[in-house]
Protein backbone atom coordinates (compact mmCIF):
# COMPACT_ATOMS: atom_id res chain seq x y z
CA UNK A 1 -52.33 38.62 -9.04
CA UNK A 2 -49.91 36.60 -6.97
CA UNK A 3 -46.35 36.26 -8.17
CA UNK A 4 -47.40 32.44 -8.78
CA UNK A 5 -50.32 33.82 -11.68
CA UNK A 6 -47.96 36.29 -13.49
CA UNK A 7 -47.90 35.10 -16.90
CA UNK A 8 -43.61 34.97 -16.38
CA UNK A 9 -43.89 32.42 -13.86
CA UNK A 10 -46.69 30.31 -15.67
CA UNK A 11 -44.01 30.22 -18.67
CA UNK A 12 -41.21 29.08 -16.08
CA UNK A 13 -43.98 26.47 -14.93
CA UNK A 14 -45.16 25.13 -18.49
CA UNK A 15 -40.91 24.51 -18.92
CA UNK A 16 -40.86 26.38 -22.35
CA UNK A 17 -38.19 28.07 -23.64
CA UNK A 18 -38.63 30.83 -25.63
CA UNK A 19 -36.52 31.29 -28.65
CA UNK A 20 -34.43 34.54 -29.43
CA UNK A 21 -36.37 36.92 -31.17
CA UNK A 22 -35.50 36.72 -34.52
CA UNK A 23 -34.72 40.25 -36.87
CA UNK A 24 -37.49 40.77 -39.55
CA UNK A 25 -36.79 39.43 -42.89
CA UNK A 26 -38.12 43.09 -44.63
CA UNK A 27 -38.64 46.38 -44.28
CA UNK A 28 -40.93 46.03 -41.07
CA UNK A 29 -41.13 45.94 -37.17
CA UNK A 30 -41.71 42.93 -35.71
CA UNK A 31 -43.78 44.37 -32.52
CA UNK A 32 -45.18 48.26 -33.08
CA UNK A 33 -47.45 50.32 -30.46
CA UNK A 34 -49.75 52.70 -30.27
CA UNK A 35 -51.27 53.81 -26.95
CA UNK A 36 -50.98 50.77 -25.07
CA UNK A 37 -51.82 48.86 -27.91
CA UNK A 38 -48.57 46.49 -29.40
CA UNK A 39 -49.57 45.45 -32.91
CA UNK A 40 -47.61 41.67 -32.83
CA UNK A 41 -46.69 40.96 -36.82
CA UNK A 42 -46.61 37.77 -38.30
CA UNK A 43 -45.16 34.81 -36.73
CA UNK A 44 -44.91 31.82 -38.50
CA UNK A 45 -43.37 27.84 -36.70
CA UNK A 46 -39.85 28.37 -37.74
CA UNK A 47 -39.52 32.17 -36.76
CA UNK A 48 -37.27 30.52 -34.56
CA UNK A 49 -35.09 29.81 -37.54
CA UNK A 50 -35.83 25.73 -37.93
CA UNK A 51 -37.49 24.55 -41.22
CA UNK A 52 -40.38 22.70 -39.13
CA UNK A 53 -44.30 22.19 -39.61
CA UNK A 54 -43.66 22.59 -43.58
CA UNK A 55 -47.15 21.50 -46.16
CA UNK A 56 -50.68 22.25 -46.27
CA UNK A 57 -53.08 21.49 -44.19
CA UNK A 58 -55.36 18.68 -45.82
CA UNK A 59 -52.76 17.33 -48.11
CA UNK A 60 -49.82 16.54 -46.47
CA UNK A 61 -50.46 17.62 -42.61
CA UNK A 62 -53.19 16.72 -40.25
CA UNK A 63 -54.95 19.12 -38.22
CA UNK A 64 -53.40 17.60 -34.98
CA UNK A 65 -49.93 19.14 -36.71
CA UNK A 66 -51.70 21.97 -38.07
CA UNK A 67 -52.46 22.59 -34.11
CA UNK A 68 -48.84 21.93 -32.78
CA UNK A 69 -47.42 24.53 -35.77
CA UNK A 70 -49.76 27.06 -34.69
CA UNK A 71 -48.48 26.47 -30.90
CA UNK A 72 -45.18 27.16 -32.14
CA UNK A 73 -45.71 29.90 -33.51
CA UNK A 74 -47.56 31.04 -31.18
CA UNK A 75 -44.24 30.07 -28.51
CA UNK A 76 -41.91 32.02 -31.21
CA UNK A 77 -44.92 35.14 -30.76
CA UNK A 78 -44.25 35.05 -26.98
CA UNK A 79 -40.95 36.02 -27.26
CA UNK A 80 -41.27 39.35 -29.03
CA UNK A 81 -44.13 40.00 -26.95
CA UNK A 82 -41.08 39.93 -24.49
CA UNK A 83 -38.45 41.61 -26.62
CA UNK A 84 -40.69 44.27 -26.88
CA UNK A 85 -41.89 44.71 -23.99
CA UNK A 86 -39.50 43.47 -21.23
CA UNK A 87 -41.81 41.06 -19.78
CA UNK A 88 -45.08 39.09 -20.76
CA UNK A 89 -46.29 40.53 -17.25
CA UNK A 90 -46.66 43.49 -18.34
CA UNK A 91 -49.75 42.48 -21.42
CA UNK A 92 -52.85 43.31 -19.95
CA UNK A 93 -54.94 41.84 -22.26
CA UNK A 94 -54.75 39.57 -26.22
CA UNK A 95 -57.44 41.94 -28.18
CA UNK A 96 -57.46 39.87 -31.16
CA UNK A 97 -55.70 36.74 -33.02
CA UNK A 98 -55.58 36.52 -36.38
CA UNK A 99 -54.47 33.09 -37.86
CA UNK A 100 -53.99 32.20 -41.34
CA UNK A 101 -53.24 28.92 -42.33
CA UNK A 102 -51.65 26.90 -45.76
CA UNK A 103 -54.60 24.31 -46.41
CA UNK A 104 -55.98 22.32 -49.69
CA UNK A 105 -59.36 24.18 -51.22
CA UNK A 106 -61.68 21.93 -48.69
CA UNK A 107 -60.18 22.00 -45.63
CA UNK A 108 -62.43 23.55 -43.07
CA UNK A 109 -61.07 22.83 -39.59
CA UNK A 110 -58.66 26.24 -39.71
CA UNK A 111 -60.47 27.07 -36.35
CA UNK A 112 -59.42 23.88 -34.49
CA UNK A 113 -55.53 24.49 -36.31
CA UNK A 114 -55.50 28.27 -34.47
CA UNK A 115 -57.03 26.67 -31.20
CA UNK A 116 -52.94 25.62 -31.31
CA UNK A 117 -52.39 29.18 -30.50
CA UNK A 118 -55.28 30.20 -28.44
CA UNK A 119 -54.77 27.46 -25.94
CA UNK A 120 -51.11 28.37 -25.51
CA UNK A 121 -51.89 32.46 -25.26
CA UNK A 122 -54.91 31.24 -22.40
CA UNK A 123 -52.11 28.86 -20.58
CA UNK A 124 -49.60 32.01 -20.21
CA UNK A 125 -51.67 34.53 -19.53
CA UNK A 126 -55.08 33.25 -17.99
CA UNK A 127 -58.43 35.01 -18.75
CA UNK A 128 -57.26 37.72 -19.91
CA UNK A 129 -56.04 35.74 -22.77
CA UNK A 130 -60.00 35.26 -24.09
CA UNK A 131 -59.69 37.20 -27.07
CA UNK A 132 -61.50 38.09 -31.04
CA UNK A 133 -59.92 35.38 -33.59
CA UNK A 134 -60.25 35.09 -37.28
CA UNK A 135 -58.99 31.69 -38.44
CA UNK A 136 -58.53 31.83 -42.41
CA UNK A 137 -57.05 29.50 -45.26
CA UNK A 138 -54.94 30.52 -47.19
CA UNK A 139 -53.13 28.66 -50.79
CA UNK A 140 -49.64 29.69 -49.83
CA UNK A 141 -47.29 31.56 -46.16
CA UNK A 142 -43.78 32.37 -45.99
CA UNK A 143 -40.80 29.75 -46.80
CA UNK A 144 -43.42 26.97 -46.94
CA UNK A 145 -44.98 26.63 -43.14
CA UNK A 146 -48.82 25.71 -42.75
CA UNK A 147 -49.48 28.26 -40.73
CA UNK A 148 -49.11 32.24 -39.33
CA UNK A 149 -50.18 34.00 -36.37
CA UNK A 150 -50.37 37.77 -35.93
CA UNK A 151 -52.05 39.95 -32.42
CA UNK A 152 -53.12 42.89 -31.01
CA UNK A 153 -52.27 43.14 -27.49
CA UNK A 154 -52.81 45.80 -24.79
CA UNK A 155 -50.53 46.80 -22.40
CA UNK A 156 -50.10 47.67 -18.88
CA UNK A 157 -48.86 51.19 -18.61
CA UNK A 158 -45.42 50.17 -18.32
CA UNK A 159 -45.27 48.01 -20.69
CA UNK A 160 -46.51 50.51 -22.70
CA UNK A 161 -43.69 52.56 -21.90
CA UNK A 162 -40.94 50.04 -23.02
CA UNK A 163 -42.76 48.74 -26.44
CA UNK A 164 -41.34 50.27 -29.33
CA UNK A 165 -43.75 53.43 -30.88
CA UNK A 166 -44.93 53.91 -34.56
CA UNK A 167 -43.83 56.93 -35.75
CA UNK A 168 -44.11 58.82 -38.98
CA UNK A 169 -40.27 57.88 -39.14
CA UNK A 170 -40.40 54.53 -38.00
CA UNK A 171 -42.66 53.67 -40.87
CA UNK A 172 -39.88 54.32 -43.32
């Protein structure tokens, strides 16, 4: 892969600025590694500390607003991935994405909402971002956010050496 095709160079070319990864607000890690897999905890559109995209899809938010929220949640997740591995270039594959959408019981466009995250991951990682995915509806999400995403990634050997490993001690 040439330098122009790396995830870090794609991110730079996109003009996106990753926020500082904020510490967890509970007794958990933002990301934890087992072998070469990195499990990334749930990320919200407001994980960068700004309350945005609050509400419920199908009531006071549109599908396109939900798409934007999922995209912002993915931006925040990229910051955590970079903080855990040192570089987005250490990601070999996006294995699985779970997208949760706060919505009314009759809202049926969860997949279109979570496309906001999937599309951004594809823009940054290219073909290695093709992933398995679930997009589900929820009655409530933390702090009134409309979307939450989490992911499982496969890391390169170098990325796996950098990322925090799950141990019995780290689990409490």
